[in-house]
Amino acid sequence: MSSTTDKIKGAANEAAGSIKQTVGKVTGNERLQAEGKAQEIEGKTQRTVGEAKEGVKNAADAVKRSL
């Protein structure tokens, strides 16, 4: 997956997880809250991976330019 794809999918998972948590809290559904929290964490991780990929790519490009 590209860094952009990872960041977009990560942000989408974070948003979906946050919504699930809110709905779980409002309805008193602890399972939905837990699923939402897990999805939000997964999204943050995925977004971080995308940012790391982008950082590595930028560093590699900088090295290439300096040669």
C-alpha atoms as a PDB file:
ATOM      1  CA  MET A   1       0.000   0.000   0.000  1.00  0.00           C
ATOM      2  CA  SER A   2       1.219   3.520  -0.693  1.00  0.00           C
ATOM      3  CA  SER A   3       1.773   6.007   2.082  1.00  0.00           C
ATOM      4  CA  THR A   4      -1.198   8.066   0.911  1.00  0.00           C
ATOM      5  CA  THR A   5      -3.483   5.026   0.895  1.00  0.00           C
ATOM      6  CA  ASP A   6      -2.352   4.072   4.400  1.00  0.00           C
ATOM      7  CA  LYS A   7      -3.008   7.583   5.674  1.00  0.00           C
ATOM      8  CA  ILE A   8      -6.458   7.794   4.073  1.00  0.00           C
ATOM      9  CA  LYS A   9      -7.551   4.350   5.249  1.00  0.00           C
ATOM     10  CA  GLY A  10      -6.142   5.081   8.686  1.00  0.00           C
ATOM     11  CA  ALA A  11      -8.095   8.311   8.965  1.00  0.00           C
ATOM     12  CA  ALA A  12     -11.267   6.532   7.824  1.00  0.00           C
ATOM     13  CA  ASN A  13     -10.793   3.807  10.446  1.00  0.00           C
ATOM     14  CA  GLU A  14     -10.186   6.415  13.125  1.00  0.00           C
ATOM     15  CA  ALA A  15     -13.390   8.238  12.202  1.00  0.00           C
ATOM     16  CA  ALA A  16     -15.457   5.050  12.010  1.00  0.00           C
ATOM     17  CA  GLY A  17     -14.058   3.874  15.335  1.00  0.00           C
ATOM     18  CA  SER A  18     -14.867   7.166  16.975  1.00  0.00           C
ATOM     19  CA  ILE A  19     -18.447   7.014  15.687  1.00  0.00           C
ATOM     20  CA  LYS A  20     -18.843   3.437  16.955  1.00  0.00           C
ATOM     21  CA  GLN A  21     -17.573   4.472  20.378  1.00  0.00           C
ATOM     22  CA  THR A  22     -20.021   7.356  20.552  1.00  0.00           C
ATOM     23  CA  VAL A  23     -22.959   5.211  19.461  1.00  0.00           C
ATOM     24  CA  GLY A  24     -21.901   2.566  21.985  1.00  0.00           C
ATOM     25  CA  LYS A  25     -21.792   5.127  24.778  1.00  0.00           C
ATOM     26  CA  VAL A  26     -25.177   6.611  23.854  1.00  0.00           C
ATOM     27  CA  THR A  27     -26.861   3.208  23.619  1.00  0.00           C
ATOM     28  CA  GLY A  28     -25.007   1.665  26.559  1.00  0.00           C
ATOM     29  CA  ASN A  29     -23.486  -0.983  24.282  1.00  0.00           C
ATOM     30  CA  GLU A  30     -20.085  -1.763  25.786  1.00  0.00           C
ATOM     31  CA  ARG A  31     -19.187  -4.191  22.998  1.00  0.00           C
ATOM     32  CA  LEU A  32     -19.709  -1.512  20.349  1.00  0.00           C
ATOM     33  CA  GLN A  33     -17.635   0.910  22.413  1.00  0.00           C
ATOM     34  CA  ALA A  34     -14.789  -1.616  22.589  1.00  0.00           C
ATOM     35  CA  GLU A  35     -14.997  -2.369  18.871  1.00  0.00           C
ATOM     36  CA  GLY A  36     -14.903   1.348  18.156  1.00  0.00           C
ATOM     37  CA  LYS A  37     -11.860   1.873  20.343  1.00  0.00           C
ATOM     38  CA  ALA A  38     -10.052  -1.041  18.658  1.00  0.00           C
ATOM     39  CA  GLN A  39     -10.888   0.309  15.201  1.00  0.00           C
ATOM     40  CA  GLU A  40      -9.739   3.784  16.175  1.00  0.00           C
ATOM     41  CA  ILE A  41      -6.403   2.408  17.419  1.00  0.00           C
ATOM     42  CA  GLU A  42      -6.037   0.381  14.215  1.00  0.00           C
ATOM     43  CA  GLY A  43      -6.634   3.554  12.220  1.00  0.00           C
ATOM     44  CA  LYS A  44      -4.057   5.526  14.181  1.00  0.00           C
ATOM     45  CA  THR A  45      -1.528   2.755  13.633  1.00  0.00           C
ATOM     46  CA  GLN A  46      -2.272   2.573   9.923  1.00  0.00           C
ATOM     47  CA  ARG A  47      -1.988   6.362   9.575  1.00  0.00           C
ATOM     48  CA  THR A  48       1.338   6.293  11.428  1.00  0.00           C
ATOM     49  CA  VAL A  49       2.643   3.593   9.070  1.00  0.00           C
ATOM     50  CA  GLY A  50       1.696   5.810   6.127  1.00  0.00           C
ATOM     51  CA  GLU A  51       3.496   8.771   7.656  1.00  0.00           C
ATOM     52  CA  ALA A  52       6.586   6.623   8.279  1.00  0.00           C
ATOM     53  CA  LYS A  53       6.570   5.394   4.673  1.00  0.00           C
ATOM     54  CA  GLU A  54       6.360   8.971   3.473  1.00  0.00           C
ATOM     55  CA  GLY A  55       9.250   9.983   5.727  1.00  0.00           C
ATOM     56  CA  VAL A  56      11.449   7.168   4.409  1.00  0.00           C
ATOM     57  CA  LYS A  57      10.576   8.084   0.830  1.00  0.00           C
ATOM     58  CA  ASN A  58      11.370  11.744   1.448  1.00  0.00           C
ATOM     59  CA  ALA A  59      14.700  10.834   3.045  1.00  0.00           C
ATOM     60  CA  ALA A  60      15.591   8.563   0.123  1.00  0.00           C
ATOM     61  CA  ASP A  61      14.670  11.306  -2.351  1.00  0.00           C
ATOM     62  CA  ALA A  62      16.872  13.787  -0.460  1.00  0.00           C
ATOM     63  CA  VAL A  63      19.811  11.381  -0.638  1.00  0.00           C
ATOM     64  CA  LYS A  64      19.277  10.879  -4.366  1.00  0.00           C
ATOM     65  CA  ARG A  65      19.215  14.653  -4.938  1.00  0.00           C
ATOM     66  CA  SER A  66      22.457  15.085  -3.038  1.00  0.00           C
ATOM     67  CA  LEU A  67      24.350  12.579  -5.195  1.00  0.00           C
END
